[in-house]
Structures are given as C-alpha cells and as structure tokens.
N, C-alpha and C. Protein backbone atom coordinates (compact mmCIF):
# COMPACT_ATOMS: atom_id res chain seq x y z
N ASP A 1 111.33 179.15 148.08
CA ASP A 1 111.40 179.08 149.67
C ASP A 1 111.88 180.47 150.04
N TRP A 2 113.03 180.91 149.53
CA TRP A 2 113.64 182.13 149.95
C TRP A 2 112.79 183.28 149.41
N GLY A 3 112.29 183.18 148.22
CA GLY A 3 111.60 184.22 147.59
C GLY A 3 110.16 184.72 148.33
N ALA A 4 109.69 183.64 149.08
CA ALA A 4 108.56 184.06 149.77
C ALA A 4 108.63 184.79 150.98
N GLN A 5 109.85 185.04 151.35
CA GLN A 5 110.33 185.87 152.79
C GLN A 5 110.34 187.27 152.32
N PHE A 6 110.32 187.64 150.88
CA PHE A 6 110.74 188.98 150.69
C PHE A 6 109.83 189.46 149.59
N ASP A 7 109.75 191.01 149.48
CA ASP A 7 108.86 191.50 148.56
C ASP A 7 109.68 191.73 147.27
N THR A 8 110.85 191.83 147.28
CA THR A 8 111.86 191.79 146.06
C THR A 8 113.21 191.25 146.21
N ILE A 9 113.63 190.58 145.10
CA ILE A 9 114.85 189.99 145.20
C ILE A 9 115.79 190.26 144.19
N SER A 10 117.10 190.72 144.43
CA SER A 10 117.98 191.17 143.48
C SER A 10 119.19 190.13 143.45
N ILE A 11 119.28 189.84 142.26
CA ILE A 11 120.50 188.59 141.77
C ILE A 11 121.52 189.30 140.92
N CYS A 12 122.76 189.34 141.45
CA CYS A 12 123.81 189.94 140.57
C CYS A 12 124.39 189.01 139.77
N LEU A 13 124.59 189.32 138.37
CA LEU A 13 124.95 188.49 137.51
C LEU A 13 126.53 188.36 137.59
N SER A 14 127.14 189.39 138.10
CA SER A 14 128.52 189.37 137.81
C SER A 14 129.21 188.58 138.97
N LYS A 15 128.70 188.42 139.87
CA LYS A 15 129.31 187.66 141.12
C LYS A 15 129.07 186.28 140.83
N GLY A 16 130.35 185.77 140.47
CA GLY A 16 130.56 184.05 140.24
C GLY A 16 130.07 183.83 138.87
N LEU A 17 128.97 184.48 138.30
CA LEU A 17 128.49 183.90 137.20
C LEU A 17 129.29 184.44 135.84
N GLY A 18 130.30 185.29 136.06
CA GLY A 18 131.23 185.63 135.05
C GLY A 18 130.60 186.79 133.99
N CYS A 19 129.48 187.29 134.56
CA CYS A 19 128.93 188.39 133.39
C CYS A 19 129.55 189.57 133.81
N PRO A 20 129.89 190.48 132.72
CA PRO A 20 130.63 191.76 133.05
C PRO A 20 129.98 192.80 133.83
N ILE A 21 128.56 192.66 133.73
CA ILE A 21 127.83 193.62 134.56
C ILE A 21 126.43 193.13 134.54
N GLY A 22 125.61 193.50 135.45
CA GLY A 22 124.18 193.15 135.50
C GLY A 22 123.68 192.56 136.58
N SER A 23 122.23 192.99 136.79
CA SER A 23 121.60 192.32 137.84
C SER A 23 120.25 192.06 137.67
N LEU A 24 119.58 191.13 138.11
CA LEU A 24 118.04 190.92 137.91
C LEU A 24 117.45 191.46 139.12
N LEU A 25 116.14 191.78 138.95
CA LEU A 25 115.25 192.32 140.11
C LEU A 25 114.06 191.54 140.03
N LEU A 26 113.58 190.89 140.95
CA LEU A 26 112.50 189.94 140.96
C LEU A 26 111.35 190.54 142.12
N GLY A 27 110.28 190.59 141.55
CA GLY A 27 109.13 191.28 142.54
C GLY A 27 107.85 191.33 141.71
N SER A 28 106.86 192.11 142.44
CA SER A 28 105.60 192.15 141.73
C SER A 28 105.64 193.30 140.55
N LYS A 29 104.58 193.15 139.75
CA LYS A 29 104.55 194.25 138.60
C LYS A 29 104.75 195.61 139.24
N ALA A 30 104.15 195.98 140.30
CA ALA A 30 104.03 197.18 141.00
C ALA A 30 105.29 197.55 141.35
N ASP A 31 106.26 196.63 142.06
CA ASP A 31 107.42 196.88 142.60
C ASP A 31 108.35 197.12 141.29
N ILE A 32 108.38 196.49 140.27
CA ILE A 32 109.19 196.46 139.10
C ILE A 32 108.98 197.89 138.67
N LYS A 33 107.69 198.30 138.59
CA LYS A 33 107.35 199.48 137.71
C LYS A 33 108.02 200.72 138.64
N GLN A 34 107.85 200.63 139.96
CA GLN A 34 108.45 201.74 140.73
C GLN A 34 110.06 201.75 140.69
N ALA A 35 110.49 200.35 140.48
CA ALA A 35 112.06 200.23 140.51
C ALA A 35 112.60 200.77 139.24
N ARG A 36 111.82 200.68 138.17
CA ARG A 36 112.22 201.25 136.92
C ARG A 36 112.32 202.71 136.94
N LYS A 37 111.28 203.42 137.62
CA LYS A 37 111.21 204.75 137.82
C LYS A 37 112.42 205.29 138.55
N VAL A 38 112.89 204.61 139.63
CA VAL A 38 113.90 205.00 140.48
C VAL A 38 115.24 204.79 139.60
N ARG A 39 115.35 203.78 139.00
CA ARG A 39 116.40 203.47 138.00
C ARG A 39 116.65 204.63 137.04
N LYS A 40 115.57 205.01 136.57
CA LYS A 40 115.86 206.19 135.51
C LYS A 40 116.19 207.45 136.09
N VAL A 41 115.78 207.55 137.17
CA VAL A 41 116.11 208.94 137.84
C VAL A 41 117.76 208.87 138.27
N PHE A 42 118.11 207.62 138.50
CA PHE A 42 119.73 207.61 138.85
C PHE A 42 120.50 207.44 137.67
N GLY A 43 119.84 207.55 136.47
CA GLY A 43 120.62 207.22 135.17
C GLY A 43 120.89 205.89 134.75
N GLY A 44 120.11 205.13 135.33
CA GLY A 44 120.14 203.59 134.80
C GLY A 44 119.38 203.31 133.54
N GLY A 45 118.91 204.31 132.82
CA GLY A 45 118.13 203.84 131.65
C GLY A 45 119.13 203.78 130.34
N MET A 46 119.79 202.60 130.22
CA MET A 46 120.86 202.58 129.27
C MET A 46 120.04 202.09 127.83
N ARG A 47 120.64 202.71 127.03
CA ARG A 47 120.34 202.47 125.63
C ARG A 47 120.97 201.58 125.16
N GLN A 48 120.49 200.72 124.10
CA GLN A 48 121.28 199.65 123.38
C GLN A 48 121.97 198.65 124.33
N ALA A 49 121.35 198.30 125.22
CA ALA A 49 121.83 197.35 126.47
C ALA A 49 121.77 196.09 125.98
N GLY A 50 121.34 195.56 124.88
CA GLY A 50 121.04 194.42 124.34
C GLY A 50 122.28 193.35 124.47
N PHE A 51 123.38 193.66 124.23
CA PHE A 51 124.54 193.01 124.33
C PHE A 51 124.94 192.62 125.86
N LEU A 52 124.58 193.62 126.50
CA LEU A 52 124.71 193.25 128.01
C LEU A 52 123.61 192.41 128.57
N ALA A 53 122.58 192.37 127.90
CA ALA A 53 121.44 191.39 128.41
C ALA A 53 121.97 190.11 127.82
N ALA A 54 122.56 190.12 126.76
CA ALA A 54 123.14 188.75 125.97
C ALA A 54 124.13 188.13 127.06
N ALA A 55 125.03 189.07 127.48
CA ALA A 55 125.94 188.48 128.31
C ALA A 55 125.36 187.75 129.70
N GLY A 56 124.17 188.44 130.18
CA GLY A 56 123.40 187.95 131.20
C GLY A 56 122.76 186.61 130.92
N ILE A 57 122.11 186.74 129.77
CA ILE A 57 121.52 185.16 129.49
C ILE A 57 122.49 184.16 129.34
N TYR A 58 123.62 184.45 128.74
CA TYR A 58 124.63 183.46 128.60
C TYR A 58 125.09 182.99 130.04
N ALA A 59 125.32 183.82 130.88
CA ALA A 59 125.82 183.49 132.21
C ALA A 59 124.65 182.64 132.83
N LEU A 60 123.40 183.00 132.66
CA LEU A 60 122.49 182.13 133.37
C LEU A 60 122.09 180.80 132.63
N ASP A 61 122.47 180.81 131.46
CA ASP A 61 122.45 179.23 130.58
C ASP A 61 123.63 178.59 130.85
N HIS A 62 124.74 179.16 131.19
CA HIS A 62 126.12 178.40 130.99
C HIS A 62 126.87 178.42 132.48
N GLN A 63 126.53 179.27 133.35
CA GLN A 63 127.36 179.30 134.49
C GLN A 63 126.71 178.86 135.82
N VAL A 64 125.51 178.80 135.88
CA VAL A 64 124.72 178.54 137.14
C VAL A 64 125.12 177.14 137.66
N GLU A 65 125.29 176.11 136.91
CA GLU A 65 125.63 174.75 137.53
C GLU A 65 126.98 174.70 138.12
N ARG A 66 127.82 175.61 137.74
CA ARG A 66 129.44 175.61 138.11
C ARG A 66 129.46 176.19 139.26
N LEU A 67 128.48 177.01 139.77
CA LEU A 67 128.66 177.84 140.92
C LEU A 67 128.98 176.88 142.15
N LYS A 68 128.67 175.56 142.08
CA LYS A 68 129.02 174.65 143.25
C LYS A 68 130.54 174.62 143.37
N GLU A 69 131.05 174.50 142.21
CA GLU A 69 132.56 174.66 142.43
C GLU A 69 133.29 175.87 143.07
N ASP A 70 132.68 177.10 142.67
CA ASP A 70 132.97 178.07 143.36
C ASP A 70 132.80 178.02 144.96
N HIS A 71 131.58 177.51 145.27
CA HIS A 71 131.32 177.36 146.63
C HIS A 71 132.21 176.36 147.38
N ALA A 72 132.57 175.38 146.69
CA ALA A 72 133.45 174.35 147.39
C ALA A 72 134.77 175.08 147.46
N ARG A 73 135.27 175.86 146.56
CA ARG A 73 136.64 176.34 146.69
C ARG A 73 136.69 177.44 147.91
N ALA A 74 135.39 178.01 147.83
CA ALA A 74 135.25 179.08 149.12
C ALA A 74 135.33 178.39 150.40
N ARG A 75 134.56 177.25 150.37
CA ARG A 75 134.90 176.51 151.84
C ARG A 75 136.41 176.23 151.93
N ALA A 76 136.92 175.78 151.04
CA ALA A 76 138.50 175.24 151.20
C ALA A 76 139.37 176.58 151.55
N LEU A 77 139.08 177.67 150.87
CA LEU A 77 139.81 178.97 151.32
C LEU A 77 139.50 179.27 152.67
N GLY A 78 138.27 179.26 153.02
CA GLY A 78 137.82 179.35 154.49
C GLY A 78 138.59 178.48 155.54
N GLU A 79 138.80 177.45 155.08
CA GLU A 79 139.54 176.47 155.97
C GLU A 79 140.90 176.88 156.19
N MET A 80 141.40 177.22 154.86
CA MET A 80 142.88 177.71 154.93
C MET A 80 143.01 179.00 155.94
N LEU A 81 142.22 180.00 155.68
CA LEU A 81 142.11 181.12 156.57
C LEU A 81 141.99 180.75 157.94
N GLY A 82 141.03 179.79 158.39
CA GLY A 82 140.94 179.55 159.73
C GLY A 82 142.10 178.90 160.50
N LYS A 83 143.19 178.43 159.68
CA LYS A 83 144.23 177.97 160.11
C LYS A 83 145.39 179.10 160.60
N LEU A 84 145.11 180.27 160.18
CA LEU A 84 145.99 181.40 160.41
C LEU A 84 146.03 181.97 161.75
N SER A 85 146.95 182.25 162.53
CA SER A 85 146.98 182.81 163.94
C SER A 85 146.16 184.04 163.92
N VAL A 86 146.26 184.81 162.90
CA VAL A 86 145.75 186.24 163.00
C VAL A 86 144.37 186.17 162.63
N VAL A 87 143.63 185.11 162.44
CA VAL A 87 142.19 185.04 161.93
C VAL A 87 141.65 184.17 163.21
N SER A 88 140.81 185.06 163.74
CA SER A 88 139.93 184.44 165.03
C SER A 88 138.77 183.72 164.56
N GLU A 89 138.18 184.02 163.36
CA GLU A 89 136.85 183.36 163.20
C GLU A 89 136.81 183.30 161.57
N VAL A 90 136.38 182.32 161.05
CA VAL A 90 135.76 182.42 159.61
C VAL A 90 134.30 182.09 159.79
N PHE A 91 133.50 183.04 159.11
CA PHE A 91 132.08 182.95 159.20
C PHE A 91 131.71 181.84 158.43
N PRO A 92 130.48 180.98 158.66
CA PRO A 92 130.13 179.89 157.92
C PRO A 92 130.12 180.14 156.38
N VAL A 93 130.54 179.33 155.63
CA VAL A 93 130.74 179.67 154.27
C VAL A 93 129.54 178.78 153.40
N ALA A 94 128.60 179.68 153.03
CA ALA A 94 127.45 178.86 152.16
C ALA A 94 127.43 179.04 150.72
N THR A 95 128.26 180.16 150.33
CA THR A 95 128.27 180.49 148.95
C THR A 95 129.72 180.66 148.51
N ASN A 96 130.03 181.69 147.68
CA ASN A 96 131.29 181.89 147.21
C ASN A 96 132.03 183.18 147.80
N ILE A 97 131.49 183.55 148.87
CA ILE A 97 131.94 184.65 149.93
C ILE A 97 132.44 184.02 151.13
N VAL A 98 133.67 184.44 151.40
CA VAL A 98 134.32 184.07 152.79
C VAL A 98 134.63 185.37 153.48
N ILE A 99 134.08 185.40 154.64
CA ILE A 99 134.48 186.52 155.61
C ILE A 99 135.21 186.11 156.89
N ALA A 100 136.44 186.49 156.90
CA ALA A 100 137.24 186.27 158.09
C ALA A 100 137.25 187.37 159.25
N ARG A 101 137.03 187.16 160.35
CA ARG A 101 137.17 188.17 161.51
C ARG A 101 138.88 187.96 161.95
N LEU A 102 139.42 189.08 161.98
CA LEU A 102 140.91 189.04 162.48
C LEU A 102 140.97 189.06 163.94
N GLY A 103 142.07 188.58 164.56
CA GLY A 103 142.30 188.55 165.85
C GLY A 103 143.55 189.22 166.17
N GLY A 104 143.78 190.45 165.65
CA GLY A 104 145.14 191.27 165.96
C GLY A 104 145.44 192.32 165.21
N PRO A 105 145.74 191.95 163.95
CA PRO A 105 146.15 192.89 162.93
C PRO A 105 144.82 193.72 162.48
N THR A 106 144.81 195.13 161.97
CA THR A 106 143.73 195.74 161.42
C THR A 106 143.65 194.99 160.11
N PRO A 107 142.56 195.31 159.54
CA PRO A 107 141.94 194.63 158.04
C PRO A 107 143.03 195.47 157.11
N GLU A 108 143.46 196.65 157.32
CA GLU A 108 144.32 197.39 156.38
C GLU A 108 145.75 196.71 156.57
N GLU A 109 146.39 196.46 157.78
CA GLU A 109 147.58 195.70 157.84
C GLU A 109 147.56 194.26 157.32
N PHE A 110 146.32 193.51 157.41
CA PHE A 110 146.32 192.31 156.90
C PHE A 110 146.11 192.32 155.40
N MET A 111 145.49 193.29 154.88
CA MET A 111 145.23 193.31 153.58
C MET A 111 146.73 193.74 152.62
N LYS A 112 147.61 194.47 153.47
CA LYS A 112 148.77 195.01 152.80
C LYS A 112 149.50 193.70 152.83
N LYS A 113 149.77 192.91 153.70
CA LYS A 113 150.42 191.55 153.59
C LYS A 113 149.87 190.76 152.59
N LEU A 114 148.57 190.71 152.43
CA LEU A 114 147.96 189.82 151.32
C LEU A 114 148.44 190.48 150.05
N ALA A 115 148.44 191.87 149.88
CA ALA A 115 148.69 192.38 148.61
C ALA A 115 150.06 192.07 148.32
N GLU A 116 151.02 191.87 149.05
CA GLU A 116 152.47 191.65 148.91
C GLU A 116 152.50 190.17 148.41
N GLN A 117 151.49 189.67 148.62
CA GLN A 117 151.48 188.16 148.08
C GLN A 117 150.40 187.98 146.77
N ASN A 118 150.00 189.08 146.21
CA ASN A 118 149.25 189.24 145.12
C ASN A 118 147.83 188.64 145.49
N ILE A 119 147.41 188.67 146.75
CA ILE A 119 146.09 188.12 147.13
C ILE A 119 145.02 189.54 147.21
N LYS A 120 144.14 189.39 146.63
CA LYS A 120 143.02 190.53 146.63
C LYS A 120 142.05 190.32 147.70
N SER A 121 141.53 191.26 148.49
CA SER A 121 140.63 191.13 149.51
C SER A 121 139.97 192.30 149.71
N VAL A 122 138.89 192.40 150.47
CA VAL A 122 138.15 193.71 150.81
C VAL A 122 137.79 193.84 152.37
N LYS A 123 138.31 195.10 152.79
CA LYS A 123 137.71 195.20 154.29
C LYS A 123 136.29 195.12 154.27
N PHE A 124 135.59 194.50 155.22
CA PHE A 124 134.32 194.24 155.29
C PHE A 124 133.68 194.80 156.49
N GLY A 125 134.58 195.40 157.35
CA GLY A 125 134.10 196.07 158.73
C GLY A 125 135.05 196.22 159.57
N LYS A 126 134.88 196.43 160.83
CA LYS A 126 136.00 197.08 161.80
C LYS A 126 137.15 195.95 161.88
N ASP A 127 136.70 194.72 161.86
CA ASP A 127 137.92 193.54 161.94
C ASP A 127 137.46 192.48 160.95
N LEU A 128 136.87 192.83 159.78
CA LEU A 128 136.46 191.58 159.02
C LEU A 128 137.31 191.99 157.68
N VAL A 129 137.59 190.83 156.96
CA VAL A 129 138.00 190.96 155.48
C VAL A 129 137.25 189.91 154.80
N ARG A 130 136.97 190.47 153.46
CA ARG A 130 136.02 189.40 152.54
C ARG A 130 136.80 188.92 151.48
N PHE A 131 136.66 187.71 151.13
CA PHE A 131 137.20 187.23 149.97
C PHE A 131 136.21 186.57 149.01
N VAL A 132 136.23 186.55 147.84
CA VAL A 132 135.28 185.92 146.88
C VAL A 132 135.92 185.04 145.81
N THR A 133 135.37 183.83 145.94
CA THR A 133 135.78 183.02 144.63
C THR A 133 134.92 183.34 143.40
N HIS A 134 135.42 182.97 142.27
CA HIS A 134 134.87 183.33 140.94
C HIS A 134 134.93 182.47 139.86
N LEU A 135 134.48 182.62 138.72
CA LEU A 135 134.73 181.98 137.37
C LEU A 135 136.08 181.72 137.04
N ASP A 136 136.78 182.60 137.33
CA ASP A 136 138.49 182.56 137.06
C ASP A 136 139.28 182.24 138.18
N PHE A 137 138.68 181.72 139.26
CA PHE A 137 139.58 181.18 140.36
C PHE A 137 139.27 179.74 140.32
N GLY A 138 140.24 178.80 139.89
CA GLY A 138 140.12 177.67 139.50
C GLY A 138 141.06 176.90 140.59
N ASP A 139 141.07 175.48 140.60
CA ASP A 139 141.86 174.61 141.50
C ASP A 139 143.21 175.07 141.63
N GLU A 140 143.93 175.37 140.50
CA GLU A 140 145.35 176.02 140.63
C GLU A 140 145.28 177.29 141.38
N ALA A 141 144.42 178.20 141.19
CA ALA A 141 144.49 179.44 141.94
C ALA A 141 144.41 179.05 143.49
N LEU A 142 143.33 178.05 143.68
CA LEU A 142 143.26 177.68 145.20
C LEU A 142 144.50 177.27 145.97
N GLU A 143 145.12 176.47 145.20
CA GLU A 143 146.45 175.83 145.54
C GLU A 143 147.42 176.85 145.76
N GLU A 144 147.57 177.92 144.86
CA GLU A 144 148.43 178.98 144.88
C GLU A 144 148.07 179.78 146.33
N PHE A 145 146.75 180.07 146.40
CA PHE A 145 146.37 180.94 147.43
C PHE A 145 146.85 180.34 148.90
N GLY A 146 146.84 178.91 148.78
CA GLY A 146 147.29 178.26 150.01
C GLY A 146 148.71 178.30 150.32
N ARG A 147 149.60 178.25 149.13
CA ARG A 147 150.85 178.53 149.21
C ARG A 147 151.27 179.96 149.77
N ARG A 148 150.60 180.78 149.18
CA ARG A 148 150.93 182.31 149.44
C ARG A 148 150.37 182.81 150.70
N ILE A 149 149.28 182.25 151.11
CA ILE A 149 148.91 182.50 152.50
C ILE A 149 149.65 182.07 153.54
N GLY A 150 150.34 180.90 153.24
CA GLY A 150 151.27 180.35 154.22
C GLY A 150 152.48 181.14 154.52
N LYS A 151 152.69 182.27 153.59
CA LYS A 151 153.98 183.15 153.55
C LYS A 151 153.58 184.17 154.82
N ILE A 152 152.36 184.43 155.06
CA ILE A 152 152.20 185.67 155.90
C ILE A 152 152.20 185.31 157.23
C-alpha cells in the first residue's frame, strides 16, 4: 500500500534492525539503473561488500519481527517525555522514532541536561529533539531512561 504512493522507497537497515550499515532502494529497473550511476559518482561503488550484504540479510531474516518491541518502547518513551514540563508536545509515535517539541529550553540546553544523565538525543529542528529506540535499547534501558529523565 505504501509503495504504490512512490516511485522509489529507501529502507535503512541500521535503524532498528541492528545492521552496521546499509540501505535498500526499491524502484523500477530504470530508477535503480539511474541510482547506481549516481551512487558510483558519489563514491558508493564499494568492492568486496559481501560481508555487509550478509549483515543486511541477517538483519532482514532475524530482526524485522522484533521491531514491534522497539515501537512499543518508543511509545512508552514518548509518554515519559510528555510528562516533562519542558516538553510541550510529543509527536504521534508510529515507529521507533520519538520527536518532542520543547516549550522553553532550547534543544541545546535540553540536550546538555540529557547528556549529563547519559541520555543521547539529536536536535531535529528549531525546538525539536529526536530520540530513537533500537536493538540494544531493551526494557531495562527504558526503565533507566525513566529514572534519569525524572532528574531533569
């Protein structure tokens, strides 16, 4: 259903799937042919990339089903962020990505406080901060996030 809306689709294998590197590009033969030319121009023609392809195949074979766990943890993380007075809005969480709009501190100020608690985040806009759950972010990490975010 989603694919019918676009000419090409890019799927990142490192986001949530635990693959060290790699993406898939889906599209027509003509689009893929053009993408290969562009990739080569930008230096993307890696030789002996079979071990990276193997990591991608492993990720697709073993990690896709467990993405629902990442998505559930992301929703819980979003709920925790929504309770903070400095967060004015948490965007609807549909995947493993959580985006929070700040209602006061700048992203840099908020991220500094997070870093003091060893919480990593990324500035995502003028007043937005992004968090991502992933393969190595389990239930214990989520609980620890809740404890640490409460200190901010």
